[in-house]
Amino acid sequence: MDTPTFNMPNTATYDLLMNRRSVKAKDMEGPGPNREVMEKILRAGMRVPDHGKLAPWRFVVLEGAAREKLGDAIAKALVEEQETSEKIADKMKGYATQGPVLVVAIYSPNDSRPIPEWEQQLSTGAACQNMLIAATALGYAVQWLTGWGSYSPSVRADLQMSEQERIAGFLFFGHHGECYTAERPRPNFEDHVTWGWPADAAE
């Protein structure tokens, strides 16, 4: 059996990171990634720093009519929790069907070992980012969204989530189609980097 090789230099990966850009879910076209490709994306999502090896995340993959069920759940929750009119809530049903494939990334804390919750949350965010990078590398458009529905107790209940679990995001996958993705403003590098011990750098 061949020994796996890890951490090989790959400048193309750096180029991908520096040129990756989210594509608006509403601008995506089908088809989305098939089962085989989605498995690759999800497996990449699970290869992240994870203190204690707790795997504090899980993923619900929604395609076709399953996305519509999420849209129905969001609309129902808007009426029940926000007293939104049914007419307006009905328009929100389309939120879940913007992209061909939708993954609900769920933060699922694990208390089997004394690992701080914050570190488990960071691992979940890393899993989402890995999926964005993997999907882009495989030639797909992707966008990570949250929105009101990700904080709704009713939506979480409809997704059969536990009391401790939270929605880390809705990740949409599809094709770029004819849409043009322009660069967005990026933070000024020097405003966010300190070289050396902070107190010494301030002198």
Protein backbone atom coordinates (compact mmCIF):
# COMPACT_ATOMS: atom_id res chain seq x y z
CA MET A 1 0.00 0.00 0.00
CA ASP A 2 1.38 3.37 -1.03
CA THR A 3 2.20 5.81 1.73
CA PRO A 4 0.19 9.03 1.26
CA THR A 5 2.16 12.17 0.55
CA PHE A 6 1.15 15.28 2.47
CA ASN A 7 1.88 19.00 2.23
CA MET A 8 3.38 19.00 -1.24
CA PRO A 9 4.04 22.50 -2.61
CA ASN A 10 1.34 23.60 -5.06
CA THR A 11 1.53 27.17 -6.32
CA ALA A 12 -1.72 26.69 -8.25
CA THR A 13 -3.53 26.42 -4.91
CA TYR A 14 -2.16 29.81 -3.87
CA ASP A 15 -3.29 31.31 -7.16
CA LEU A 16 -6.77 29.87 -6.61
CA LEU A 17 -6.96 31.39 -3.13
CA MET A 18 -5.95 34.80 -4.45
CA ASN A 19 -8.44 34.67 -7.33
CA ARG A 20 -11.42 32.91 -5.75
CA ARG A 21 -14.61 34.95 -5.76
CA SER A 22 -18.09 34.02 -4.57
CA VAL A 23 -20.82 33.92 -7.22
CA LYS A 24 -24.28 35.11 -6.22
CA ALA A 25 -26.54 32.10 -5.77
CA LYS A 26 -29.32 33.78 -7.75
CA ASP A 27 -26.98 34.04 -10.74
CA MET A 28 -25.99 30.38 -10.74
CA GLU A 29 -27.07 27.93 -13.40
CA GLY A 30 -27.55 24.18 -13.33
CA PRO A 31 -26.69 21.51 -13.17
CA GLY A 32 -25.02 21.60 -9.80
CA PRO A 33 -22.37 19.15 -8.64
CA ASN A 34 -23.54 15.53 -8.81
CA ARG A 35 -23.34 13.10 -5.90
CA GLU A 36 -19.77 12.07 -6.68
CA VAL A 37 -18.52 15.65 -6.89
CA MET A 38 -20.44 16.72 -3.78
CA GLU A 39 -18.81 13.89 -1.86
CA LYS A 40 -15.41 15.25 -2.89
CA ILE A 41 -16.40 18.74 -1.75
CA LEU A 42 -17.76 17.49 1.58
CA ARG A 43 -14.71 15.31 2.22
CA ALA A 44 -12.52 18.37 1.66
CA GLY A 45 -14.70 20.22 4.14
CA MET A 46 -13.90 17.63 6.78
CA ARG A 47 -10.12 17.96 6.37
CA VAL A 48 -9.71 20.95 8.67
CA PRO A 49 -7.97 21.79 11.95
CA ASP A 50 -10.05 20.12 14.67
CA HIS A 51 -8.70 20.30 18.22
CA GLY A 52 -9.51 17.05 19.98
CA LYS A 53 -10.72 15.36 16.79
CA LEU A 54 -14.32 16.15 17.74
CA ALA A 55 -15.72 16.76 14.24
CA PRO A 56 -18.07 19.49 15.58
CA TRP A 57 -19.94 19.88 12.30
CA ARG A 58 -22.35 18.04 10.04
CA PHE A 59 -23.89 18.79 6.66
CA VAL A 60 -27.37 18.43 5.16
CA VAL A 61 -27.35 18.27 1.34
CA LEU A 62 -30.53 19.50 -0.34
CA GLU A 63 -31.33 19.11 -4.03
CA GLY A 64 -34.49 19.42 -6.09
CA ALA A 65 -37.71 19.40 -4.06
CA ALA A 66 -35.77 19.11 -0.78
CA ARG A 67 -34.68 22.75 -1.25
CA GLU A 68 -38.32 23.72 -1.57
CA LYS A 69 -39.03 22.14 1.82
CA LEU A 70 -36.44 24.44 3.35
CA GLY A 71 -38.08 27.39 1.59
CA ASP A 72 -41.44 26.35 3.06
CA ALA A 73 -39.86 26.10 6.51
CA ILE A 74 -38.39 29.60 6.25
CA ALA A 75 -41.71 31.06 5.07
CA LYS A 76 -43.60 29.34 7.90
CA ALA A 77 -41.10 30.58 10.47
CA LEU A 78 -41.38 34.16 9.22
CA VAL A 79 -45.13 34.12 9.83
CA GLU A 80 -44.86 32.43 13.21
CA GLU A 81 -41.84 34.24 14.63
CA GLN A 82 -41.88 37.61 12.89
CA GLU A 83 -45.60 37.97 12.16
CA THR A 84 -44.66 38.58 8.53
CA SER A 85 -47.57 38.57 6.11
CA GLU A 86 -48.04 35.31 4.26
CA LYS A 87 -47.67 37.17 0.97
CA ILE A 88 -44.21 38.47 1.86
CA ALA A 89 -43.21 35.20 3.50
CA ASP A 90 -44.21 33.33 0.36
CA LYS A 91 -41.66 35.33 -1.62
CA MET A 92 -38.93 34.11 0.73
CA LYS A 93 -39.56 30.51 -0.32
CA GLY A 94 -37.29 31.14 -3.29
CA TYR A 95 -34.31 31.77 -1.01
CA ALA A 96 -33.57 28.06 -0.74
CA THR A 97 -33.84 27.36 -4.48
CA GLN A 98 -31.44 30.04 -5.71
CA GLY A 99 -28.68 27.57 -6.51
CA PRO A 100 -28.96 24.02 -7.91
CA VAL A 101 -27.47 22.37 -4.80
CA LEU A 102 -27.66 23.61 -1.23
CA VAL A 103 -25.66 22.41 1.77
CA VAL A 104 -26.81 23.41 5.23
CA ALA A 105 -23.62 23.54 7.31
CA ILE A 106 -24.45 22.81 10.92
CA TYR A 107 -22.26 23.59 13.91
CA SER A 108 -22.67 20.55 16.15
CA PRO A 109 -20.64 20.99 19.37
CA ASN A 110 -19.15 17.93 21.01
CA ASP A 111 -18.59 17.89 24.77
CA SER A 112 -16.89 14.49 24.96
CA ARG A 113 -13.58 16.27 25.55
CA PRO A 114 -12.84 19.62 27.26
CA ILE A 115 -12.24 21.59 24.06
CA PRO A 116 -13.42 25.24 24.18
CA GLU A 117 -16.59 25.86 22.20
CA TRP A 118 -14.93 28.77 20.40
CA GLU A 119 -12.33 26.42 18.93
CA GLN A 120 -15.08 24.10 17.72
CA GLN A 121 -16.81 27.05 16.07
CA LEU A 122 -13.58 27.98 14.32
CA SER A 123 -13.29 24.42 12.99
CA THR A 124 -16.81 24.65 11.57
CA GLY A 125 -15.99 27.89 9.80
CA ALA A 126 -12.85 26.28 8.39
CA ALA A 127 -14.96 23.39 7.08
CA CYS A 128 -17.20 25.82 5.22
CA GLN A 129 -14.23 27.65 3.73
CA ASN A 130 -12.64 24.39 2.63
CA MET A 131 -15.81 23.52 0.74
CA LEU A 132 -15.77 26.89 -1.01
CA ILE A 133 -12.19 26.34 -2.10
CA ALA A 134 -12.78 22.73 -3.15
CA ALA A 135 -15.84 23.63 -5.22
CA THR A 136 -13.96 26.43 -6.96
CA ALA A 137 -11.02 24.12 -7.69
CA LEU A 138 -13.44 21.62 -9.26
CA GLY A 139 -14.92 24.29 -11.54
CA TYR A 140 -18.14 25.17 -9.71
CA ALA A 141 -19.63 28.43 -8.53
CA VAL A 142 -20.33 28.68 -4.81
CA GLN A 143 -21.67 31.16 -2.26
CA TRP A 144 -21.84 30.96 1.54
CA LEU A 145 -24.87 32.78 2.94
CA THR A 146 -26.62 33.06 6.29
CA GLY A 147 -29.62 35.37 6.63
CA TRP A 148 -32.61 35.38 8.96
CA GLY A 149 -33.48 31.73 8.44
CA SER A 150 -30.14 30.56 9.83
CA TYR A 151 -31.09 31.94 13.26
CA SER A 152 -34.70 30.78 13.36
CA PRO A 153 -35.58 28.23 16.09
CA SER A 154 -38.42 26.94 13.91
CA VAL A 155 -36.16 26.35 10.91
CA ARG A 156 -33.65 24.57 13.14
CA ALA A 157 -36.46 22.38 14.48
CA ASP A 158 -37.66 21.52 10.97
CA LEU A 159 -34.09 20.48 10.14
CA GLN A 160 -34.20 18.21 13.22
CA MET A 161 -31.31 20.01 14.88
CA SER A 162 -30.54 19.66 18.57
CA GLU A 163 -30.83 22.55 21.02
CA GLN A 164 -27.06 23.02 21.00
CA GLU A 165 -26.66 23.02 17.23
CA ARG A 166 -26.58 26.13 15.07
CA ILE A 167 -26.66 26.80 11.33
CA ALA A 168 -23.21 27.97 10.27
CA GLY A 169 -24.44 28.81 6.80
CA PHE A 170 -26.28 27.90 3.63
CA LEU A 171 -23.75 26.99 0.93
CA PHE A 172 -25.07 27.15 -2.63
CA PHE A 173 -23.36 25.30 -5.49
CA GLY A 174 -23.90 25.57 -9.24
CA HIS A 175 -22.28 26.76 -12.46
CA HIS A 176 -21.12 30.26 -13.33
CA GLY A 177 -23.25 30.48 -16.46
CA GLU A 178 -22.84 33.76 -18.30
CA CYS A 179 -22.55 35.89 -15.17
CA TYR A 180 -19.47 38.06 -14.77
CA THR A 181 -17.93 38.15 -11.32
CA ALA A 182 -16.04 41.38 -10.75
CA GLU A 183 -13.55 41.83 -7.93
CA ARG A 184 -14.93 43.39 -4.76
CA PRO A 185 -13.11 45.86 -2.50
CA ARG A 186 -10.54 44.11 -0.34
CA PRO A 187 -9.14 45.28 3.02
CA ASN A 188 -5.92 47.27 3.05
CA PHE A 189 -3.19 44.82 3.98
CA GLU A 190 -1.22 47.14 6.26
CA ASP A 191 -4.35 48.03 8.27
CA HIS A 192 -4.67 44.45 9.47
CA VAL A 193 -1.09 43.26 9.95
CA THR A 194 1.35 44.05 12.73
CA TRP A 195 4.96 42.95 12.28
CA GLY A 196 6.56 42.15 15.64
CA TRP A 197 5.47 42.63 19.26
CA PRO A 198 2.57 45.14 19.28
CA ALA A 199 4.00 47.43 21.94
CA ASP A 200 7.34 47.61 20.13
CA ALA A 201 5.66 48.27 16.77
CA ALA A 202 3.77 51.25 18.24
CA GLU A 203 6.99 53.05 19.27
